[in-house]
Amino acid sequence: MLAKLIKYEFKATARVFLPAYLALLLVTVLGKVLLSIPPVQQLLNGAVAGIFVVIYTLFIIGVLFLTFFISVQRFYRNLLGDEGYLMHTLPVKPSTHIWAKLITSSVWYVASGVLVVAAILLLAMNMESYRKLPEFIALFFEAMGRLGIHGWLLVVEVVVLILIEILSSILMFYVSMGIGQLFGKQKLLGSILAYIGLTFVLQIVAVVGMVIVVAVGADVFASSSQLEIMLESISSKEPLMILHGIFLTALGINVVWGVGCFLGTRYLLAKKLNLE
């Protein structure tokens, strides 16, 4: 049943996202073509360039906001709004509904992010930049290697952290709406207040976690009694351990927070659902 719900979600949301993606790509290609023509380049040195940048920026902001809006709207309308009466009569557990929304939204978040980055690079980079890109990547990994950092490990950690952050953020929106629906006719206000409160708590937890990691790292440096030992310590793996610790702390906080938000949303949909 989960596969059917995901398929249904993709069909419903693709009708919105695909035209938006196509519009962004067309504007990007048009801008690239115009900027490649010398007379147009001279013309765009003035106010026209500023207008194009504003329009292009609005397109990018629009795509990103659309991703957020559709994610929130689909969850609220299907599970907490008028369509909730039908959706909750299906022989499906609340957790299945959550997974279907979460997986679909996450895919669109990633797709929107990749598309926006690719569009900006396509517009900003020229042929010389494309030729030098492999060299730049090689220099990056070489520099990381000199610092004792495994380049690919760093990339994997960053990608995993981004993905977990996306999942955790979406789930926090879901549980906020789940709390907000308990406010009766003031569901929107309740959802906003719940999100603000949860964000405040998350920030406190994150700050405390980072302070602990940095404090532990500082103790490592302070334990070196001689200057030579301290400098050798700094040039070795201790700073990298702190960086790795920060990544793991951020990852752990997001995983625990996401699981908590998921369980909270499931409980609210199963035990405290209010569709009035």
Protein backbone atom coordinates (compact mmCIF):
# COMPACT_ATOMS: atom_id res chain seq x y z
CA MET A 1 0.00 0.00 0.00
CA LEU A 2 2.92 2.32 0.67
CA ALA A 3 4.08 1.99 -2.94
CA LYS A 4 0.60 2.91 -4.19
CA LEU A 5 0.45 5.98 -1.95
CA ILE A 6 3.90 7.10 -3.10
CA LYS A 7 2.91 6.63 -6.73
CA TYR A 8 -0.24 8.66 -6.15
CA GLU A 9 1.76 11.43 -4.45
CA PHE A 10 4.28 11.63 -7.27
CA LYS A 11 1.53 11.86 -9.88
CA ALA A 12 -0.24 14.62 -7.98
CA THR A 13 2.89 16.67 -7.29
CA ALA A 14 4.65 16.12 -10.64
CA ARG A 15 1.92 18.18 -12.32
CA VAL A 16 3.20 21.16 -10.33
CA PHE A 17 6.94 20.57 -10.12
CA LEU A 18 7.75 19.52 -13.69
CA PRO A 19 6.38 22.72 -15.30
CA ALA A 20 8.22 24.78 -12.66
CA TYR A 21 11.47 22.94 -13.36
CA LEU A 22 10.99 23.36 -17.09
CA ALA A 23 10.39 27.11 -16.69
CA LEU A 24 13.59 27.49 -14.64
CA LEU A 25 15.62 25.55 -17.21
CA LEU A 26 14.20 27.61 -20.08
CA VAL A 27 15.06 30.88 -18.34
CA THR A 28 18.55 29.54 -17.60
CA VAL A 29 19.16 28.47 -21.19
CA LEU A 30 17.78 31.76 -22.50
CA GLY A 31 20.06 33.70 -20.19
CA LYS A 32 23.05 31.58 -21.19
CA VAL A 33 22.38 32.12 -24.88
CA LEU A 34 21.94 35.86 -24.47
CA LEU A 35 25.07 36.21 -22.37
CA SER A 36 27.04 34.35 -25.06
CA ILE A 37 26.28 36.98 -27.70
CA PRO A 38 28.81 39.87 -27.54
CA PRO A 39 26.34 42.68 -28.47
CA VAL A 40 23.92 41.39 -25.87
CA GLN A 41 26.73 41.22 -23.33
CA GLN A 42 27.43 44.91 -23.87
CA LEU A 43 23.73 45.69 -23.49
CA LEU A 44 23.45 43.66 -20.31
CA ASN A 45 26.24 45.62 -18.67
CA GLY A 46 23.64 48.17 -17.62
CA ALA A 47 20.20 48.10 -16.08
CA VAL A 48 19.03 45.15 -18.18
CA ALA A 49 21.53 42.91 -16.43
CA GLY A 50 20.14 43.92 -13.07
CA ILE A 51 16.59 43.21 -14.22
CA PHE A 52 17.57 39.77 -15.50
CA VAL A 53 19.35 38.93 -12.24
CA VAL A 54 16.26 39.96 -10.25
CA ILE A 55 13.95 37.87 -12.46
CA TYR A 56 16.29 34.87 -12.30
CA THR A 57 16.62 35.15 -8.53
CA LEU A 58 12.83 35.26 -8.22
CA PHE A 59 12.58 32.10 -10.32
CA ILE A 60 15.01 30.30 -8.03
CA ILE A 61 13.26 31.51 -4.88
CA GLY A 62 9.95 30.53 -6.45
CA VAL A 63 11.08 26.96 -7.12
CA LEU A 64 12.44 26.54 -3.60
CA PHE A 65 9.35 28.06 -1.99
CA LEU A 66 7.10 25.93 -4.18
CA THR A 67 8.90 22.82 -2.92
CA PHE A 68 8.27 23.83 0.68
CA PHE A 69 4.68 24.91 0.04
CA ILE A 70 3.63 21.75 -1.80
CA SER A 71 5.22 19.58 0.89
CA VAL A 72 3.25 21.32 3.63
CA GLN A 73 0.05 21.65 1.61
CA ARG A 74 -0.10 17.99 0.61
CA PHE A 75 0.30 16.83 4.19
CA TYR A 76 -2.21 19.28 5.61
CA ARG A 77 -4.85 18.92 2.89
CA ASN A 78 -4.68 15.12 2.62
CA LEU A 79 -4.39 14.21 6.29
CA LEU A 80 -5.61 17.16 8.35
CA GLY A 81 -7.98 18.96 5.99
CA ASP A 82 -11.19 18.02 4.22
CA GLU A 83 -9.54 15.16 2.33
CA GLY A 84 -8.56 13.67 5.68
CA TYR A 85 -12.03 12.13 6.09
CA LEU A 86 -11.39 10.00 3.00
CA MET A 87 -7.69 9.31 3.55
CA HIS A 88 -8.16 8.06 7.09
CA THR A 89 -10.87 5.60 6.01
CA LEU A 90 -8.29 3.71 3.93
CA PRO A 91 -6.90 0.51 5.50
CA VAL A 92 -3.58 2.23 6.06
CA LYS A 93 -1.69 2.95 9.25
CA PRO A 94 -0.86 6.60 10.08
CA SER A 95 2.84 5.76 9.80
CA THR A 96 2.30 4.62 6.19
CA HIS A 97 0.68 7.94 5.32
CA ILE A 98 3.61 9.77 6.91
CA TRP A 99 6.19 7.69 5.05
CA ALA A 100 4.45 8.28 1.72
CA LYS A 101 4.42 12.06 2.23
CA LEU A 102 7.94 12.11 3.63
CA ILE A 103 9.53 10.08 0.83
CA THR A 104 7.80 12.07 -1.89
CA SER A 105 8.62 15.43 -0.34
CA SER A 106 12.26 14.44 0.24
CA VAL A 107 12.71 13.45 -3.39
CA TRP A 108 11.31 16.78 -4.56
CA TYR A 109 13.49 18.68 -2.06
CA VAL A 110 16.60 16.97 -3.40
CA ALA A 111 15.50 17.42 -7.02
CA SER A 112 14.82 21.13 -6.49
CA GLY A 113 18.17 21.65 -4.76
CA VAL A 114 20.14 19.83 -7.44
CA LEU A 115 18.29 21.65 -10.22
CA VAL A 116 18.86 25.08 -8.67
CA VAL A 117 22.59 24.44 -8.18
CA ALA A 118 22.93 23.03 -11.71
CA ALA A 119 21.03 25.97 -13.21
CA ILE A 120 23.22 28.53 -11.42
CA LEU A 121 26.41 26.75 -12.49
CA LEU A 122 25.17 26.49 -16.08
CA LEU A 123 24.45 30.20 -16.19
CA ALA A 124 27.55 31.38 -14.35
CA MET A 125 30.25 29.10 -15.79
CA ASN A 126 31.81 29.32 -19.24
CA MET A 127 33.63 26.72 -21.33
CA GLU A 128 36.96 27.54 -19.71
CA SER A 129 35.42 26.97 -16.27
CA TYR A 130 34.05 23.59 -17.37
CA ARG A 131 37.50 22.56 -18.63
CA LYS A 132 39.12 23.55 -15.34
CA LEU A 133 36.45 21.89 -13.17
CA PRO A 134 38.15 18.43 -13.04
CA GLU A 135 41.43 20.13 -12.14
CA PHE A 136 39.71 22.10 -9.37
CA ILE A 137 38.14 18.94 -7.96
CA ALA A 138 41.50 17.17 -8.02
CA LEU A 139 43.17 20.09 -6.23
CA PHE A 140 40.40 20.06 -3.63
CA PHE A 141 40.92 16.40 -2.80
CA GLU A 142 44.68 16.90 -2.83
CA ALA A 143 44.36 19.76 -0.34
CA MET A 144 42.10 17.65 1.87
CA GLY A 145 44.64 14.83 1.72
CA ARG A 146 47.44 17.14 2.89
CA LEU A 147 45.29 18.08 5.88
CA GLY A 148 44.76 14.42 6.66
CA ILE A 149 41.12 14.51 5.57
CA HIS A 150 39.71 11.81 3.32
CA GLY A 151 38.01 13.87 0.63
CA TRP A 152 35.40 11.31 -0.34
CA LEU A 153 34.61 10.59 3.30
CA LEU A 154 34.01 14.30 3.85
CA VAL A 155 31.73 14.44 0.79
CA VAL A 156 29.77 11.39 1.98
CA GLU A 157 29.38 12.86 5.47
CA VAL A 158 28.14 16.17 4.09
CA VAL A 159 25.67 14.48 1.72
CA VAL A 160 24.33 12.19 4.46
CA LEU A 161 24.00 15.15 6.84
CA ILE A 162 22.08 17.15 4.21
CA LEU A 163 19.71 14.26 3.53
CA ILE A 164 19.06 13.68 7.23
CA GLU A 165 18.57 17.42 7.70
CA ILE A 166 15.95 17.44 4.93
CA LEU A 167 14.07 14.50 6.47
CA SER A 168 14.23 16.02 9.95
CA SER A 169 13.04 19.42 8.72
CA ILE A 170 10.07 17.95 6.86
CA LEU A 171 9.08 15.87 9.88
CA MET A 172 9.26 18.94 12.10
CA PHE A 173 6.77 20.66 9.80
CA TYR A 174 4.54 17.60 10.02
CA VAL A 175 4.54 17.39 13.80
CA SER A 176 3.99 21.16 14.01
CA MET A 177 0.87 20.81 11.89
CA GLY A 178 -0.15 17.81 13.98
CA ILE A 179 0.08 19.95 17.11
CA GLY A 180 -1.60 22.88 15.38
CA GLN A 181 -4.69 20.85 14.47
CA LEU A 182 -5.36 20.49 18.20
CA PHE A 183 -6.09 24.24 18.34
CA GLY A 184 -9.49 23.83 16.65
CA LYS A 185 -10.28 26.80 14.42
CA GLN A 186 -6.83 28.31 15.04
CA LYS A 187 -4.92 25.50 13.36
CA LEU A 188 -2.62 27.78 11.37
CA LEU A 189 -1.69 29.86 14.40
CA GLY A 190 -1.19 26.71 16.45
CA SER A 191 1.05 25.20 13.79
CA ILE A 192 3.19 28.35 13.59
CA LEU A 193 3.55 28.58 17.36
CA ALA A 194 4.39 24.87 17.57
CA TYR A 195 7.06 25.24 14.88
CA ILE A 196 8.60 28.26 16.61
CA GLY A 197 8.68 26.40 19.92
CA LEU A 198 10.21 23.27 18.40
CA THR A 199 12.81 25.33 16.54
CA PHE A 200 13.79 27.05 19.78
CA VAL A 201 14.22 23.72 21.55
CA LEU A 202 16.21 22.27 18.63
CA GLN A 203 18.55 25.26 18.60
CA ILE A 204 19.24 24.88 22.32
CA VAL A 205 19.98 21.17 21.90
CA ALA A 206 22.27 21.86 18.92
CA VAL A 207 24.19 24.60 20.72
CA VAL A 208 24.67 22.44 23.81
CA GLY A 209 25.85 19.52 21.66
CA MET A 210 28.37 21.65 19.74
CA VAL A 211 29.67 23.26 22.94
CA ILE A 212 30.30 19.82 24.42
CA VAL A 213 32.19 18.68 21.31
CA VAL A 214 34.34 21.84 21.20
CA ALA A 215 34.96 21.65 24.95
CA VAL A 216 36.16 18.06 24.68
CA GLY A 217 38.44 19.05 21.81
CA ALA A 218 39.80 21.98 23.80
CA ASP A 219 40.63 19.63 26.67
CA VAL A 220 42.67 17.54 24.24
CA PHE A 221 44.75 20.57 23.27
CA ALA A 222 45.06 21.81 26.84
CA SER A 223 46.40 18.44 27.95
CA SER A 224 49.62 19.05 25.99
CA SER A 225 52.10 20.35 28.55
CA GLN A 226 54.83 21.41 26.14
CA LEU A 227 54.59 23.79 23.22
CA GLU A 228 56.19 21.33 20.81
CA ILE A 229 53.75 18.59 21.77
CA MET A 230 50.84 21.01 21.44
CA LEU A 231 51.91 22.14 17.97
CA GLU A 232 52.40 18.54 16.90
CA SER A 233 48.93 17.77 18.27
CA ILE A 234 47.40 20.64 16.34
CA SER A 235 49.08 19.56 13.12
CA SER A 236 47.93 15.98 13.51
CA LYS A 237 44.49 14.48 13.82
CA GLU A 238 42.93 16.20 16.82
CA PRO A 239 41.40 19.11 14.84
CA LEU A 240 40.07 16.58 12.35
CA MET A 241 38.58 14.59 15.19
CA ILE A 242 36.79 17.74 16.37
CA LEU A 243 35.47 18.38 12.85
CA HIS A 244 34.38 14.76 12.58
CA GLY A 245 32.79 15.03 16.02
CA ILE A 246 30.83 18.11 14.95
CA PHE A 247 29.50 16.23 11.91
CA LEU A 248 28.54 13.21 13.97
CA THR A 249 26.93 15.39 16.64
CA ALA A 250 24.87 17.26 14.05
CA LEU A 251 23.94 13.97 12.40
CA GLY A 252 22.96 12.38 15.71
CA ILE A 253 20.87 15.36 16.78
CA ASN A 254 19.00 15.39 13.47
CA VAL A 255 18.39 11.63 13.55
CA VAL A 256 17.05 11.68 17.12
CA TRP A 257 15.01 14.80 16.43
CA GLY A 258 13.59 13.35 13.22
CA VAL A 259 12.61 10.11 14.93
CA GLY A 260 10.95 12.08 17.72
CA CYS A 261 9.01 14.19 15.22
CA PHE A 262 7.95 11.07 13.32
CA LEU A 263 6.71 9.33 16.46
CA GLY A 264 4.97 12.50 17.61
CA THR A 265 3.21 12.91 14.26
CA ARG A 266 2.15 9.26 14.24
CA TYR A 267 0.72 9.56 17.74
CA LEU A 268 -1.19 12.75 16.91
CA LEU A 269 -2.69 11.24 13.75
CA ALA A 270 -3.60 8.00 15.50
CA LYS A 271 -4.85 9.30 18.86
CA LYS A 272 -5.49 13.03 18.67
CA LEU A 273 -6.81 13.61 15.15
CA ASN A 274 -9.16 16.58 14.86
CA LEU A 275 -10.63 17.17 11.38
CA GLU A 276 -13.27 19.70 12.44
